[in-house]
Amino acid sequence: MIRIYHNPQCKKSRAGLAYLQAINIDFEVVEYIKQPLPADRLKRLIAKTGLMATDLIRVQEDVFKQQYKGKELTNDQWIEVLAANPRLLKRPIVELDENAVWADPPENIEHLFNSPKK
């Protein structure tokens, strides 16, 4: 099952959602702002992207600038920060089985269909 971690207030996230709708495929929408992901689930999701937590942090957000800019934290500590502050997570993230991509641009979703199963 394809799952999109989505924030309806975000233009990039809406573009990812529209992309999935356009390719006419079944998917599940997870509004992670309304229902924040626990750190362990977030850790698994980030690992599926092959990225580090710091690669998926929205550094332009005020909470980042005021509380976290310049801090040296471990990957697990950044995941805890993202779990506590879901608006800091870049979006959308689209997941399929054991793979996930940051879908900005939305065409990155195609990598899910072309990547080998882990």
N, C-alpha and C. Protein backbone atom coordinates (compact mmCIF):
# COMPACT_ATOMS: atom_id res chain seq x y z
N MET A 1 0.85 -1.19 0.00
CA MET A 1 0.00 0.00 0.00
C MET A 1 0.89 1.24 0.00
N ILE A 2 0.58 2.16 -0.85
CA ILE A 2 1.28 3.44 -0.89
C ILE A 2 0.67 4.34 0.18
N ARG A 3 1.55 5.06 0.85
CA ARG A 3 1.12 5.96 1.92
C ARG A 3 1.81 7.29 1.69
N ILE A 4 1.03 8.38 1.75
CA ILE A 4 1.61 9.72 1.64
C ILE A 4 1.45 10.42 2.97
N TYR A 5 2.57 10.92 3.48
CA TYR A 5 2.57 11.70 4.72
C TYR A 5 2.39 13.14 4.27
N HIS A 6 1.23 13.69 4.59
CA HIS A 6 0.70 14.86 3.91
C HIS A 6 0.28 15.95 4.90
N ASN A 7 0.52 17.19 4.48
CA ASN A 7 0.00 18.37 5.19
C ASN A 7 -0.81 19.16 4.16
N PRO A 8 -2.14 19.17 4.30
CA PRO A 8 -2.97 19.83 3.29
C PRO A 8 -2.72 21.32 3.16
N GLN A 9 -2.06 21.93 4.12
CA GLN A 9 -1.78 23.37 4.05
C GLN A 9 -0.51 23.67 3.27
N CYS A 10 0.20 22.65 2.85
CA CYS A 10 1.48 22.82 2.18
C CYS A 10 1.32 22.61 0.67
N LYS A 11 1.78 23.59 -0.10
CA LYS A 11 1.68 23.54 -1.56
C LYS A 11 2.42 22.33 -2.13
N LYS A 12 3.62 22.05 -1.63
CA LYS A 12 4.40 20.91 -2.13
C LYS A 12 3.73 19.59 -1.80
N SER A 13 3.14 19.52 -0.63
CA SER A 13 2.44 18.31 -0.22
C SER A 13 1.19 18.10 -1.08
N ARG A 14 0.47 19.17 -1.36
CA ARG A 14 -0.70 19.07 -2.24
C ARG A 14 -0.29 18.62 -3.64
N ALA A 15 0.88 19.06 -4.10
CA ALA A 15 1.38 18.65 -5.42
C ALA A 15 1.67 17.15 -5.44
N GLY A 16 2.23 16.63 -4.36
CA GLY A 16 2.49 15.20 -4.27
C GLY A 16 1.20 14.40 -4.26
N LEU A 17 0.22 14.89 -3.53
CA LEU A 17 -1.09 14.24 -3.49
C LEU A 17 -1.73 14.24 -4.88
N ALA A 18 -1.68 15.37 -5.56
CA ALA A 18 -2.25 15.47 -6.91
C ALA A 18 -1.54 14.52 -7.86
N TYR A 19 -0.25 14.35 -7.70
CA TYR A 19 0.51 13.44 -8.56
C TYR A 19 0.00 12.01 -8.38
N LEU A 20 -0.19 11.60 -7.13
CA LEU A 20 -0.71 10.26 -6.86
C LEU A 20 -2.11 10.10 -7.44
N GLN A 21 -2.93 11.11 -7.30
CA GLN A 21 -4.28 11.05 -7.85
C GLN A 21 -4.24 10.94 -9.37
N ALA A 22 -3.32 11.64 -10.01
CA ALA A 22 -3.22 11.66 -11.47
C ALA A 22 -2.79 10.31 -12.04
N ILE A 23 -1.99 9.56 -11.29
CA ILE A 23 -1.55 8.26 -11.81
C ILE A 23 -2.54 7.15 -11.45
N ASN A 24 -3.65 7.56 -10.82
CA ASN A 24 -4.78 6.66 -10.58
C ASN A 24 -4.36 5.38 -9.87
N ILE A 25 -3.79 5.56 -8.68
CA ILE A 25 -3.32 4.44 -7.88
C ILE A 25 -3.92 4.56 -6.48
N ASP A 26 -4.20 3.45 -5.86
CA ASP A 26 -4.73 3.49 -4.50
C ASP A 26 -3.63 3.89 -3.52
N PHE A 27 -4.00 4.75 -2.59
CA PHE A 27 -3.03 5.17 -1.58
C PHE A 27 -3.77 5.62 -0.33
N GLU A 28 -3.01 5.67 0.74
CA GLU A 28 -3.53 6.13 2.03
C GLU A 28 -2.89 7.48 2.35
N VAL A 29 -3.70 8.39 2.89
CA VAL A 29 -3.20 9.70 3.30
C VAL A 29 -3.04 9.70 4.81
N VAL A 30 -1.85 10.10 5.26
CA VAL A 30 -1.58 10.25 6.68
C VAL A 30 -1.31 11.73 6.94
N GLU A 31 -2.23 12.37 7.63
CA GLU A 31 -2.04 13.78 7.98
C GLU A 31 -1.26 13.83 9.29
N TYR A 32 0.07 13.81 9.15
CA TYR A 32 0.95 13.66 10.30
C TYR A 32 1.00 14.88 11.22
N ILE A 33 0.44 15.99 10.78
CA ILE A 33 0.36 17.16 11.68
C ILE A 33 -0.77 16.91 12.69
N LYS A 34 -1.88 16.38 12.20
CA LYS A 34 -3.02 16.09 13.07
C LYS A 34 -2.74 14.91 13.98
N GLN A 35 -2.06 13.91 13.44
CA GLN A 35 -1.72 12.71 14.20
C GLN A 35 -0.22 12.49 14.09
N PRO A 36 0.56 13.16 14.95
CA PRO A 36 2.02 13.05 14.86
C PRO A 36 2.51 11.60 14.96
N LEU A 37 3.55 11.32 14.22
CA LEU A 37 4.13 9.98 14.22
C LEU A 37 5.00 9.80 15.46
N PRO A 38 4.88 8.65 16.12
CA PRO A 38 5.80 8.37 17.23
C PRO A 38 7.22 8.26 16.69
N ALA A 39 8.18 8.52 17.53
CA ALA A 39 9.58 8.53 17.11
C ALA A 39 10.01 7.22 16.47
N ASP A 40 9.56 6.08 16.98
CA ASP A 40 9.99 4.81 16.40
C ASP A 40 9.46 4.63 14.97
N ARG A 41 8.24 5.05 14.72
CA ARG A 41 7.69 4.96 13.36
C ARG A 41 8.38 5.96 12.44
N LEU A 42 8.64 7.15 12.94
CA LEU A 42 9.34 8.17 12.17
C LEU A 42 10.75 7.69 11.82
N LYS A 43 11.40 7.04 12.75
CA LYS A 43 12.75 6.52 12.51
C LYS A 43 12.74 5.49 11.38
N ARG A 44 11.76 4.59 11.39
CA ARG A 44 11.65 3.58 10.32
C ARG A 44 11.36 4.25 8.97
N LEU A 45 10.47 5.25 8.98
CA LEU A 45 10.13 5.95 7.74
C LEU A 45 11.35 6.65 7.16
N ILE A 46 12.07 7.37 7.99
CA ILE A 46 13.26 8.09 7.53
C ILE A 46 14.30 7.11 7.00
N ALA A 47 14.48 6.00 7.69
CA ALA A 47 15.44 4.99 7.24
C ALA A 47 15.08 4.48 5.84
N LYS A 48 13.80 4.35 5.55
CA LYS A 48 13.36 3.88 4.24
C LYS A 48 13.74 4.85 3.12
N THR A 49 13.91 6.13 3.45
CA THR A 49 14.30 7.11 2.43
C THR A 49 15.78 7.03 2.11
N GLY A 50 16.56 6.45 3.02
CA GLY A 50 18.01 6.43 2.86
C GLY A 50 18.66 7.74 3.26
N LEU A 51 17.88 8.65 3.82
CA LEU A 51 18.38 9.95 4.24
C LEU A 51 18.59 9.99 5.74
N MET A 52 19.27 11.00 6.19
CA MET A 52 19.40 11.26 7.62
C MET A 52 18.26 12.17 8.04
N ALA A 53 17.94 12.16 9.31
CA ALA A 53 16.87 13.02 9.82
C ALA A 53 17.13 14.49 9.46
N THR A 54 18.37 14.92 9.53
CA THR A 54 18.70 16.32 9.23
C THR A 54 18.38 16.70 7.79
N ASP A 55 18.36 15.70 6.89
CA ASP A 55 18.04 15.97 5.48
C ASP A 55 16.56 16.30 5.30
N LEU A 56 15.74 15.96 6.29
CA LEU A 56 14.29 16.12 6.18
C LEU A 56 13.74 17.17 7.13
N ILE A 57 14.61 18.06 7.60
CA ILE A 57 14.18 19.11 8.52
C ILE A 57 13.94 20.41 7.75
N ARG A 58 12.80 21.02 8.02
CA ARG A 58 12.45 22.31 7.42
C ARG A 58 13.13 23.41 8.24
N VAL A 59 14.29 23.83 7.81
CA VAL A 59 15.08 24.79 8.57
C VAL A 59 14.53 26.21 8.52
N GLN A 60 13.57 26.47 7.65
CA GLN A 60 12.99 27.81 7.56
C GLN A 60 11.90 28.04 8.61
N GLU A 61 11.50 26.99 9.32
CA GLU A 61 10.45 27.13 10.33
C GLU A 61 10.99 27.89 11.55
N ASP A 62 10.13 28.73 12.14
CA ASP A 62 10.53 29.52 13.31
C ASP A 62 11.00 28.65 14.46
N VAL A 63 10.30 27.55 14.72
CA VAL A 63 10.69 26.69 15.84
C VAL A 63 12.11 26.15 15.64
N PHE A 64 12.48 25.86 14.40
CA PHE A 64 13.86 25.42 14.15
C PHE A 64 14.83 26.55 14.44
N LYS A 65 14.56 27.72 13.88
CA LYS A 65 15.46 28.86 14.05
C LYS A 65 15.63 29.24 15.52
N GLN A 66 14.55 29.18 16.28
CA GLN A 66 14.59 29.62 17.67
C GLN A 66 15.14 28.57 18.63
N GLN A 67 14.92 27.30 18.33
CA GLN A 67 15.29 26.27 19.31
C GLN A 67 16.40 25.32 18.88
N TYR A 68 16.61 25.15 17.57
CA TYR A 68 17.50 24.07 17.15
C TYR A 68 18.64 24.48 16.23
N LYS A 69 18.56 25.64 15.64
CA LYS A 69 19.61 26.07 14.70
C LYS A 69 20.96 26.07 15.40
N GLY A 70 21.93 25.44 14.74
CA GLY A 70 23.28 25.40 15.27
C GLY A 70 23.54 24.29 16.29
N LYS A 71 22.51 23.54 16.66
CA LYS A 71 22.70 22.47 17.64
C LYS A 71 23.25 21.23 16.94
N GLU A 72 24.13 20.56 17.63
CA GLU A 72 24.71 19.31 17.16
C GLU A 72 24.01 18.18 17.89
N LEU A 73 23.10 17.49 17.19
CA LEU A 73 22.35 16.39 17.77
C LEU A 73 22.60 15.13 16.97
N THR A 74 22.41 13.98 17.60
CA THR A 74 22.53 12.71 16.88
C THR A 74 21.30 12.53 16.00
N ASN A 75 21.37 11.58 15.09
CA ASN A 75 20.23 11.29 14.23
C ASN A 75 19.01 10.93 15.07
N ASP A 76 19.19 10.12 16.10
CA ASP A 76 18.07 9.74 16.96
C ASP A 76 17.50 10.95 17.71
N GLN A 77 18.34 11.86 18.12
CA GLN A 77 17.86 13.07 18.79
C GLN A 77 17.07 13.94 17.83
N TRP A 78 17.52 14.05 16.57
CA TRP A 78 16.77 14.82 15.58
C TRP A 78 15.42 14.16 15.31
N ILE A 79 15.38 12.84 15.32
CA ILE A 79 14.10 12.15 15.13
C ILE A 79 13.15 12.49 16.28
N GLU A 80 13.65 12.55 17.49
CA GLU A 80 12.83 12.96 18.64
C GLU A 80 12.32 14.39 18.45
N VAL A 81 13.17 15.26 17.94
CA VAL A 81 12.77 16.65 17.66
C VAL A 81 11.64 16.66 16.63
N LEU A 82 11.79 15.88 15.55
CA LEU A 82 10.76 15.81 14.51
C LEU A 82 9.46 15.23 15.06
N ALA A 83 9.56 14.24 15.93
CA ALA A 83 8.36 13.65 16.51
C ALA A 83 7.62 14.67 17.38
N ALA A 84 8.37 15.49 18.09
CA ALA A 84 7.78 16.51 18.96
C ALA A 84 7.30 17.74 18.19
N ASN A 85 7.86 17.95 17.01
CA ASN A 85 7.54 19.13 16.19
C ASN A 85 7.28 18.69 14.75
N PRO A 86 6.13 18.07 14.49
CA PRO A 86 5.91 17.49 13.16
C PRO A 86 5.95 18.50 12.02
N ARG A 87 5.72 19.77 12.29
CA ARG A 87 5.80 20.78 11.21
C ARG A 87 7.22 20.91 10.65
N LEU A 88 8.19 20.43 11.39
CA LEU A 88 9.57 20.50 10.91
C LEU A 88 9.90 19.46 9.85
N LEU A 89 9.04 18.47 9.67
CA LEU A 89 9.31 17.41 8.71
C LEU A 89 9.00 17.88 7.29
N LYS A 90 9.98 17.73 6.41
CA LYS A 90 9.75 18.06 5.00
C LYS A 90 8.67 17.16 4.45
N ARG A 91 7.90 17.69 3.52
CA ARG A 91 6.79 16.94 2.97
C ARG A 91 6.64 17.23 1.48
N PRO A 92 5.94 16.30 0.87
CA PRO A 92 5.40 15.05 1.38
C PRO A 92 6.46 13.96 1.34
N ILE A 93 6.26 12.97 2.16
CA ILE A 93 7.03 11.74 2.07
C ILE A 93 6.04 10.67 1.61
N VAL A 94 6.47 9.90 0.63
CA VAL A 94 5.61 8.85 0.09
C VAL A 94 6.33 7.52 0.32
N GLU A 95 5.58 6.56 0.84
CA GLU A 95 6.14 5.27 1.25
C GLU A 95 5.45 4.15 0.48
N LEU A 96 6.25 3.18 0.07
CA LEU A 96 5.73 1.96 -0.56
C LEU A 96 6.59 0.81 -0.05
N ASP A 97 5.96 -0.06 0.70
CA ASP A 97 6.66 -1.22 1.27
C ASP A 97 7.89 -0.77 2.06
N GLU A 98 9.07 -1.20 1.62
CA GLU A 98 10.29 -0.89 2.38
C GLU A 98 11.07 0.29 1.81
N ASN A 99 10.42 1.06 0.95
CA ASN A 99 11.07 2.22 0.35
C ASN A 99 10.21 3.46 0.59
N ALA A 100 10.86 4.61 0.64
CA ALA A 100 10.15 5.88 0.79
C ALA A 100 10.98 6.97 0.11
N VAL A 101 10.29 8.02 -0.33
CA VAL A 101 10.96 9.16 -0.95
C VAL A 101 10.37 10.46 -0.43
N TRP A 102 11.22 11.47 -0.38
CA TRP A 102 10.73 12.82 -0.17
C TRP A 102 10.28 13.27 -1.56
N ALA A 103 9.01 13.51 -1.72
CA ALA A 103 8.41 13.74 -3.04
C ALA A 103 8.39 15.21 -3.42
N ASP A 104 9.53 15.85 -3.37
CA ASP A 104 9.68 17.22 -3.84
C ASP A 104 10.89 17.23 -4.77
N PRO A 105 10.66 17.21 -6.07
CA PRO A 105 9.40 17.37 -6.78
C PRO A 105 8.58 16.08 -6.76
N PRO A 106 7.29 16.18 -7.09
CA PRO A 106 6.41 15.02 -7.04
C PRO A 106 6.88 13.85 -7.90
N GLU A 107 7.62 14.14 -8.96
CA GLU A 107 8.11 13.08 -9.85
C GLU A 107 9.03 12.11 -9.11
N ASN A 108 9.55 12.51 -7.95
CA ASN A 108 10.38 11.59 -7.15
C ASN A 108 9.60 10.33 -6.77
N ILE A 109 8.29 10.40 -6.78
CA ILE A 109 7.46 9.25 -6.44
C ILE A 109 7.76 8.09 -7.39
N GLU A 110 8.11 8.40 -8.63
CA GLU A 110 8.41 7.35 -9.61
C GLU A 110 9.55 6.44 -9.14
N HIS A 111 10.45 6.96 -8.31
CA HIS A 111 11.57 6.15 -7.81
C HIS A 111 11.05 4.95 -7.01
N LEU A 112 9.89 5.10 -6.39
CA LEU A 112 9.33 3.98 -5.63
C LEU A 112 8.97 2.80 -6.52
N PHE A 113 8.56 3.08 -7.73
CA PHE A 113 8.16 2.02 -8.65
C PHE A 113 9.34 1.43 -9.40
N ASN A 114 10.47 2.13 -9.38
CA ASN A 114 11.65 1.69 -10.12
C ASN A 114 12.75 1.16 -9.22
N SER A 115 12.58 1.25 -7.89
CA SER A 115 13.64 0.83 -6.99
C SER A 115 13.45 -0.63 -6.59
N PRO A 116 14.57 -1.32 -6.40
CA PRO A 116 14.46 -2.73 -6.00
C PRO A 116 13.89 -2.83 -4.59
N LYS A 117 13.21 -3.92 -4.32
CA LYS A 117 12.65 -4.15 -2.99
C LYS A 117 13.80 -4.39 -2.02
N LYS A 118 13.68 -3.80 -0.85
CA LYS A 118 14.72 -4.00 0.17
C LYS A 118 14.43 -5.26 0.95
